[in-house]
Structure formats: structure tokens, C-alpha cells
Amino acid sequence: MDASTFVPALVAATRATSLARSARNEAGRELGRLEHAIRLSPGSGGTTAVTSTGFLPQHPVKLAIDGTVITTLTAGHNGVVSYTLNPAALGLHPGRHVLTLQGMLITTTASFGS
């Protein structure tokens, strides 16, 4: 099963009243594992590579920093999004910030310093 059917199937399984509670709970745990997949990697010139998985393929994903939407990405055919974050170009003040990726079914967050 690829990501385009896997994620919606997990969501449906967590809501299905016809399934045993243990099956719904297991589906919820599997979905929860997908929700914590942001990777931040230092790049050149003070940039940071942002990569995350588990999104619905070919669907929009909003990237926000400290609650302000910076851009809307499109998940690839495998549910992956990537972005090169440049804090200086965005005018971010030095310190800790929260990056949020919000898709149709999953919202992920990560902290980073600039």
C-alpha cells in the first residue's frame, strides 16, 4: 500500500466503529508515528533543509514559522515535502522558533534556532 492510500486508510480505521477498539487504537498509534517526522539539517550560508514525510501525495502542505504561513508546498508522489529555510532572508530574529507543516490530515511541528 502506498502513502496515497495508507494515510487515509489509517484515518478511516481510527474512526471505524465496526472495528475492535484494539484495532482502532493500533491505527491511531501508526498514524501518530507519521505525525513526528520533520527533519532539520544544517545547510550552507545559515540555511536549514526541512524535510518531512507522511503527507497525502500531491496535496498542499502549509509551512508556517511562529504561526505565520511562509509558503505552501506540494507533497511529492510519496508524501514527502522539502524546503530550504533561510532565517536571514525571512527576517527572523535570533532565538528559538517553531516550524509547523500542516497538511490535510497531519500537522507536525519542530523547534529550531536562528
Protein backbone atom coordinates (compact mmCIF):
# COMPACT_ATOMS: atom_id res chain seq x y z
CA MET A 1 0.00 0.00 0.00
CA ASP A 2 1.49 3.38 -0.96
CA ALA A 3 1.18 6.63 1.00
CA SER A 4 -1.78 7.84 -1.08
CA THR A 5 -3.92 5.01 0.32
CA PHE A 6 -2.09 4.21 3.57
CA VAL A 7 -2.68 7.50 5.42
CA PRO A 8 -6.40 7.80 4.54
CA ALA A 9 -6.86 4.12 5.46
CA LEU A 10 -5.30 4.75 8.89
CA VAL A 11 -7.56 7.75 9.49
CA ALA A 12 -10.62 5.73 8.46
CA ALA A 13 -9.56 2.86 10.74
CA THR A 14 -9.30 5.18 13.76
CA ARG A 15 -12.91 6.26 13.15
CA ALA A 16 -14.48 2.93 12.18
CA THR A 17 -17.00 1.88 14.80
CA SER A 18 -17.17 -1.60 13.25
CA LEU A 19 -13.55 -2.33 14.26
CA ALA A 20 -12.50 -3.59 17.63
CA ARG A 21 -11.17 -0.93 19.97
CA SER A 22 -7.69 -2.52 19.84
CA ALA A 23 -7.63 -2.20 16.02
CA ARG A 24 -8.69 1.45 16.20
CA ASN A 25 -6.03 2.11 18.84
CA GLU A 26 -3.33 0.44 16.72
CA ALA A 27 -4.33 2.54 13.70
CA GLY A 28 -4.10 5.65 15.88
CA ARG A 29 -0.60 4.69 17.06
CA GLU A 30 0.54 4.13 13.46
CA LEU A 31 -0.90 7.49 12.40
CA GLY A 32 0.80 9.14 15.39
CA ARG A 33 4.18 7.83 14.27
CA LEU A 34 3.74 9.63 10.95
CA GLU A 35 2.99 12.90 12.70
CA HIS A 36 6.51 13.35 14.10
CA ALA A 37 8.64 13.16 11.01
CA ILE A 38 10.18 16.64 10.48
CA ARG A 39 13.92 16.52 9.86
CA LEU A 40 16.00 19.71 10.09
CA SER A 41 19.53 19.59 8.64
CA PRO A 42 22.04 22.46 8.64
CA GLY A 43 22.85 23.77 5.18
CA SER A 44 25.29 26.30 3.79
CA GLY A 45 25.11 30.03 4.47
CA GLY A 46 22.94 29.68 7.57
CA THR A 47 20.18 27.79 5.79
CA THR A 48 18.37 24.72 7.10
CA ALA A 49 16.98 21.89 4.99
CA VAL A 50 13.45 20.93 6.10
CA THR A 51 12.11 17.51 5.13
CA SER A 52 9.01 15.70 6.32
CA THR A 53 7.05 12.62 5.33
CA GLY A 54 3.58 11.15 5.72
CA PHE A 55 1.53 13.76 3.87
CA LEU A 56 -1.09 12.98 1.27
CA PRO A 57 0.74 12.75 -2.08
CA GLN A 58 0.28 15.70 -4.44
CA HIS A 59 -1.65 17.70 -1.81
CA PRO A 60 -0.83 21.13 -0.34
CA VAL A 61 1.15 21.49 2.89
CA LYS A 62 1.39 24.88 4.60
CA LEU A 63 4.74 25.80 6.13
CA ALA A 64 4.48 28.31 8.97
CA ILE A 65 7.03 29.79 11.35
CA ASP A 66 5.81 31.03 14.71
CA GLY A 67 2.24 30.83 13.39
CA THR A 68 2.84 32.85 10.20
CA VAL A 69 2.42 30.95 6.94
CA ILE A 70 5.61 31.32 4.88
CA THR A 71 4.70 29.20 1.87
CA THR A 72 2.53 26.36 0.66
CA LEU A 73 4.38 23.29 -0.55
CA THR A 74 3.04 20.37 -2.56
CA ALA A 75 3.77 16.89 -1.24
CA GLY A 76 5.55 14.67 -3.75
CA HIS A 77 4.15 11.41 -5.10
CA ASN A 78 5.48 9.65 -1.98
CA GLY A 79 4.09 12.16 0.55
CA VAL A 80 7.41 13.95 1.15
CA VAL A 81 7.85 17.73 1.37
CA SER A 82 11.11 19.63 1.44
CA TYR A 83 12.09 23.27 1.76
CA THR A 84 15.27 25.26 2.25
CA LEU A 85 14.74 27.60 5.19
CA ASN A 86 16.76 30.83 5.22
CA PRO A 87 16.11 32.66 8.52
CA ALA A 88 18.03 35.78 7.43
CA ALA A 89 16.02 36.12 4.21
CA LEU A 90 12.81 35.76 6.24
CA GLY A 91 13.93 38.43 8.72
CA LEU A 92 13.68 36.09 11.72
CA HIS A 93 15.12 37.45 14.94
CA PRO A 94 17.83 35.36 16.66
CA GLY A 95 16.42 32.76 19.01
CA ARG A 96 14.07 29.78 19.08
CA HIS A 97 11.25 29.42 16.57
CA VAL A 98 8.52 26.87 15.89
CA LEU A 99 8.12 25.48 12.38
CA THR A 100 4.76 23.93 11.52
CA LEU A 101 3.85 21.82 8.50
CA GLN A 102 0.09 21.42 8.08
CA GLY A 103 -1.42 19.05 5.54
CA MET A 104 -4.98 17.83 5.15
CA LEU A 105 -4.62 15.06 7.76
CA ILE A 106 -1.35 15.70 9.58
CA THR A 107 0.17 18.68 11.38
CA THR A 108 3.79 18.45 12.50
CA THR A 109 5.95 20.87 14.47
CA ALA A 110 9.64 21.27 15.22
CA SER A 111 11.71 23.88 17.06
CA PHE A 112 14.82 25.45 15.59
CA GLY A 113 17.22 28.24 16.39
CA SER A 114 18.24 31.12 14.15
